[in-house]
Amino acid sequence: MSHFPEMSCQEIVEVITEYIELTLSEPDRSRFEEHLRVCGPCTTYLEQMRLTIQLVGRIQTDTIPPKNQQDLLLLFRDWKASRA
């Protein structure tokens, strides 16, 4: 058992990218993995994120129509600004 407070599902969502990219601190990584051992929905979410990253990594930018590229960039900028 960890010496740190249990990680919530909301925290899992907030740090999942760091976990996947292996940039999450060791204490938080332990808390993350401890949570996954008891939370099926978060385990499923992690699997879905990994699959999404795998599939998106196969998309070539030149196959995305310019209008869609612009829309995606705007959505990402809006999302990023809302997290600041």
N, C-alpha and C. Protein backbone atom coordinates (compact mmCIF):
# COMPACT_ATOMS: atom_id res chain seq x y z
N MET A 1 0.83 -1.18 0.00
CA MET A 1 0.00 0.00 0.00
C MET A 1 0.88 1.25 0.00
N SER A 2 0.43 2.28 -0.69
CA SER A 2 1.18 3.51 -0.84
C SER A 2 1.14 4.37 0.42
N HIS A 3 2.16 5.21 0.60
CA HIS A 3 2.18 6.16 1.70
C HIS A 3 1.48 7.46 1.30
N PHE A 4 1.03 7.54 0.08
CA PHE A 4 0.38 8.72 -0.45
C PHE A 4 -1.12 8.48 -0.55
N PRO A 5 -1.92 9.56 -0.54
CA PRO A 5 -3.36 9.39 -0.67
C PRO A 5 -3.73 8.70 -1.98
N GLU A 6 -4.83 7.97 -1.95
CA GLU A 6 -5.30 7.27 -3.14
C GLU A 6 -5.63 8.26 -4.25
N MET A 7 -5.33 7.88 -5.47
CA MET A 7 -5.61 8.71 -6.64
C MET A 7 -7.07 8.49 -7.04
N SER A 8 -7.75 9.57 -7.38
CA SER A 8 -9.15 9.49 -7.81
C SER A 8 -9.23 9.27 -9.32
N CYS A 9 -10.41 8.89 -9.78
CA CYS A 9 -10.62 8.72 -11.22
C CYS A 9 -10.34 10.04 -11.96
N GLN A 10 -10.76 11.16 -11.39
CA GLN A 10 -10.51 12.47 -12.01
C GLN A 10 -9.01 12.72 -12.16
N GLU A 11 -8.24 12.38 -11.14
CA GLU A 11 -6.79 12.55 -11.23
C GLU A 11 -6.20 11.65 -12.32
N ILE A 12 -6.74 10.45 -12.46
CA ILE A 12 -6.27 9.53 -13.51
C ILE A 12 -6.43 10.20 -14.87
N VAL A 13 -7.61 10.77 -15.10
CA VAL A 13 -7.89 11.45 -16.38
C VAL A 13 -6.91 12.59 -16.60
N GLU A 14 -6.61 13.33 -15.53
CA GLU A 14 -5.74 14.50 -15.65
C GLU A 14 -4.28 14.15 -15.93
N VAL A 15 -3.82 12.98 -15.51
CA VAL A 15 -2.40 12.65 -15.66
C VAL A 15 -2.12 11.48 -16.59
N ILE A 16 -3.15 11.00 -17.29
CA ILE A 16 -2.98 9.80 -18.10
C ILE A 16 -1.93 9.97 -19.20
N THR A 17 -1.85 11.15 -19.79
CA THR A 17 -0.85 11.38 -20.83
C THR A 17 0.56 11.28 -20.25
N GLU A 18 0.75 11.86 -19.08
CA GLU A 18 2.06 11.77 -18.42
C GLU A 18 2.41 10.32 -18.11
N TYR A 19 1.41 9.55 -17.69
CA TYR A 19 1.64 8.14 -17.40
C TYR A 19 2.09 7.41 -18.67
N ILE A 20 1.35 7.61 -19.75
CA ILE A 20 1.67 6.93 -21.01
C ILE A 20 3.04 7.35 -21.54
N GLU A 21 3.38 8.63 -21.38
CA GLU A 21 4.66 9.14 -21.87
C GLU A 21 5.82 8.89 -20.90
N LEU A 22 5.51 8.21 -19.78
CA LEU A 22 6.53 7.88 -18.77
C LEU A 22 7.16 9.11 -18.14
N THR A 23 6.39 10.19 -17.99
CA THR A 23 6.92 11.41 -17.36
C THR A 23 6.27 11.67 -16.00
N LEU A 24 5.41 10.78 -15.56
CA LEU A 24 4.77 10.92 -14.26
C LEU A 24 5.78 10.57 -13.17
N SER A 25 5.79 11.34 -12.10
CA SER A 25 6.73 11.07 -11.01
C SER A 25 6.50 9.66 -10.47
N GLU A 26 7.54 9.10 -9.88
CA GLU A 26 7.44 7.72 -9.36
C GLU A 26 6.34 7.58 -8.31
N PRO A 27 6.22 8.51 -7.35
CA PRO A 27 5.12 8.36 -6.39
C PRO A 27 3.74 8.39 -7.06
N ASP A 28 3.57 9.31 -8.02
CA ASP A 28 2.28 9.39 -8.71
C ASP A 28 2.05 8.19 -9.62
N ARG A 29 3.12 7.69 -10.20
CA ARG A 29 3.00 6.48 -11.03
C ARG A 29 2.53 5.29 -10.18
N SER A 30 3.08 5.18 -9.00
CA SER A 30 2.67 4.11 -8.09
C SER A 30 1.20 4.27 -7.71
N ARG A 31 0.79 5.50 -7.40
CA ARG A 31 -0.61 5.76 -7.06
C ARG A 31 -1.52 5.45 -8.23
N PHE A 32 -1.08 5.82 -9.44
CA PHE A 32 -1.84 5.57 -10.66
C PHE A 32 -2.05 4.07 -10.83
N GLU A 33 -0.98 3.30 -10.73
CA GLU A 33 -1.06 1.86 -10.93
C GLU A 33 -1.85 1.18 -9.82
N GLU A 34 -1.75 1.71 -8.61
CA GLU A 34 -2.54 1.17 -7.50
C GLU A 34 -4.03 1.37 -7.78
N HIS A 35 -4.39 2.54 -8.30
CA HIS A 35 -5.78 2.82 -8.64
C HIS A 35 -6.27 1.86 -9.74
N LEU A 36 -5.44 1.62 -10.73
CA LEU A 36 -5.84 0.74 -11.84
C LEU A 36 -6.13 -0.68 -11.35
N ARG A 37 -5.44 -1.12 -10.32
CA ARG A 37 -5.66 -2.47 -9.79
C ARG A 37 -7.08 -2.66 -9.26
N VAL A 38 -7.73 -1.56 -8.88
CA VAL A 38 -9.08 -1.68 -8.29
C VAL A 38 -10.17 -1.01 -9.11
N CYS A 39 -9.82 -0.36 -10.21
CA CYS A 39 -10.81 0.41 -10.97
C CYS A 39 -10.85 -0.04 -12.43
N GLY A 40 -11.81 -0.88 -12.74
CA GLY A 40 -11.98 -1.37 -14.11
C GLY A 40 -12.22 -0.27 -15.12
N PRO A 41 -13.10 0.71 -14.83
CA PRO A 41 -13.34 1.77 -15.81
C PRO A 41 -12.07 2.56 -16.17
N CYS A 42 -11.22 2.84 -15.20
CA CYS A 42 -9.99 3.58 -15.50
C CYS A 42 -9.01 2.71 -16.28
N THR A 43 -8.99 1.41 -16.00
CA THR A 43 -8.15 0.49 -16.76
C THR A 43 -8.61 0.47 -18.22
N THR A 44 -9.92 0.43 -18.42
CA THR A 44 -10.47 0.47 -19.78
C THR A 44 -10.12 1.78 -20.46
N TYR A 45 -10.22 2.89 -19.73
CA TYR A 45 -9.89 4.20 -20.29
C TYR A 45 -8.43 4.25 -20.73
N LEU A 46 -7.54 3.71 -19.91
CA LEU A 46 -6.12 3.66 -20.28
C LEU A 46 -5.92 2.86 -21.56
N GLU A 47 -6.57 1.71 -21.65
CA GLU A 47 -6.46 0.89 -22.87
C GLU A 47 -6.99 1.64 -24.08
N GLN A 48 -8.10 2.36 -23.91
CA GLN A 48 -8.67 3.14 -25.02
C GLN A 48 -7.72 4.25 -25.45
N MET A 49 -7.10 4.91 -24.49
CA MET A 49 -6.14 5.98 -24.83
C MET A 49 -4.94 5.42 -25.58
N ARG A 50 -4.43 4.30 -25.12
CA ARG A 50 -3.29 3.69 -25.82
C ARG A 50 -3.66 3.30 -27.25
N LEU A 51 -4.84 2.73 -27.43
CA LEU A 51 -5.30 2.35 -28.76
C LEU A 51 -5.48 3.59 -29.64
N THR A 52 -6.05 4.64 -29.08
CA THR A 52 -6.23 5.88 -29.83
C THR A 52 -4.89 6.43 -30.28
N ILE A 53 -3.92 6.46 -29.40
CA ILE A 53 -2.59 6.96 -29.75
C ILE A 53 -1.97 6.09 -30.83
N GLN A 54 -2.14 4.78 -30.72
CA GLN A 54 -1.60 3.87 -31.72
C GLN A 54 -2.24 4.13 -33.09
N LEU A 55 -3.56 4.29 -33.11
CA LEU A 55 -4.25 4.49 -34.38
C LEU A 55 -3.98 5.86 -34.97
N VAL A 56 -3.98 6.89 -34.13
CA VAL A 56 -3.74 8.24 -34.61
C VAL A 56 -2.31 8.37 -35.12
N GLY A 57 -1.40 7.64 -34.52
CA GLY A 57 -0.02 7.69 -34.96
C GLY A 57 0.17 7.20 -36.39
N ARG A 58 -0.82 6.50 -36.90
CA ARG A 58 -0.75 6.01 -38.28
C ARG A 58 -1.31 6.99 -39.30
N ILE A 59 -1.97 8.04 -38.85
CA ILE A 59 -2.57 9.00 -39.76
C ILE A 59 -1.48 9.92 -40.30
N GLN A 60 -1.43 10.07 -41.58
CA GLN A 60 -0.50 10.98 -42.21
C GLN A 60 -1.17 12.35 -42.37
N THR A 61 -0.47 13.41 -41.99
CA THR A 61 -1.09 14.73 -42.04
C THR A 61 -1.52 15.13 -43.44
N ASP A 62 -0.84 14.63 -44.45
CA ASP A 62 -1.24 14.99 -45.81
C ASP A 62 -2.51 14.28 -46.26
N THR A 63 -3.02 13.34 -45.46
CA THR A 63 -4.28 12.68 -45.80
C THR A 63 -5.48 13.36 -45.14
N ILE A 64 -5.21 14.33 -44.26
CA ILE A 64 -6.29 15.07 -43.61
C ILE A 64 -6.55 16.34 -44.43
N PRO A 65 -7.79 16.53 -44.87
CA PRO A 65 -8.10 17.74 -45.65
C PRO A 65 -7.72 19.01 -44.87
N PRO A 66 -7.22 20.03 -45.56
CA PRO A 66 -6.78 21.26 -44.88
C PRO A 66 -7.84 21.86 -43.95
N LYS A 67 -9.10 21.85 -44.34
CA LYS A 67 -10.16 22.40 -43.48
C LYS A 67 -10.23 21.61 -42.17
N ASN A 68 -10.14 20.31 -42.24
CA ASN A 68 -10.18 19.48 -41.03
C ASN A 68 -8.94 19.71 -40.16
N GLN A 69 -7.80 19.89 -40.80
CA GLN A 69 -6.57 20.18 -40.04
C GLN A 69 -6.75 21.47 -39.25
N GLN A 70 -7.28 22.50 -39.92
CA GLN A 70 -7.49 23.79 -39.26
C GLN A 70 -8.49 23.65 -38.11
N ASP A 71 -9.57 22.92 -38.33
CA ASP A 71 -10.58 22.71 -37.28
C ASP A 71 -9.97 22.01 -36.08
N LEU A 72 -9.16 20.98 -36.33
CA LEU A 72 -8.51 20.26 -35.23
C LEU A 72 -7.55 21.15 -34.46
N LEU A 73 -6.79 21.96 -35.18
CA LEU A 73 -5.85 22.87 -34.51
C LEU A 73 -6.59 23.87 -33.63
N LEU A 74 -7.70 24.41 -34.13
CA LEU A 74 -8.49 25.36 -33.34
C LEU A 74 -9.07 24.70 -32.10
N LEU A 75 -9.60 23.49 -32.26
CA LEU A 75 -10.14 22.75 -31.12
C LEU A 75 -9.07 22.49 -30.07
N PHE A 76 -7.89 22.09 -30.53
CA PHE A 76 -6.80 21.82 -29.60
C PHE A 76 -6.38 23.09 -28.88
N ARG A 77 -6.27 24.20 -29.61
CA ARG A 77 -5.88 25.46 -28.96
C ARG A 77 -6.92 25.89 -27.93
N ASP A 78 -8.20 25.76 -28.26
CA ASP A 78 -9.26 26.10 -27.30
C ASP A 78 -9.17 25.21 -26.07
N TRP A 79 -8.97 23.91 -26.29
CA TRP A 79 -8.85 22.96 -25.17
C TRP A 79 -7.65 23.33 -24.30
N LYS A 80 -6.53 23.59 -24.96
CA LYS A 80 -5.31 23.91 -24.21
C LYS A 80 -5.47 25.21 -23.41
N ALA A 81 -6.11 26.20 -24.01
CA ALA A 81 -6.31 27.48 -23.33
C ALA A 81 -7.24 27.31 -22.12
N SER A 82 -8.20 26.40 -22.22
CA SER A 82 -9.13 26.20 -21.10
C SER A 82 -8.46 25.50 -19.92
N ARG A 83 -7.33 24.85 -20.15
CA ARG A 83 -6.61 24.15 -19.08
C ARG A 83 -5.57 25.05 -18.42
N ALA A 84 -5.32 26.21 -19.01
CA ALA A 84 -4.28 27.11 -18.47
C ALA A 84 -4.77 27.86 -17.25
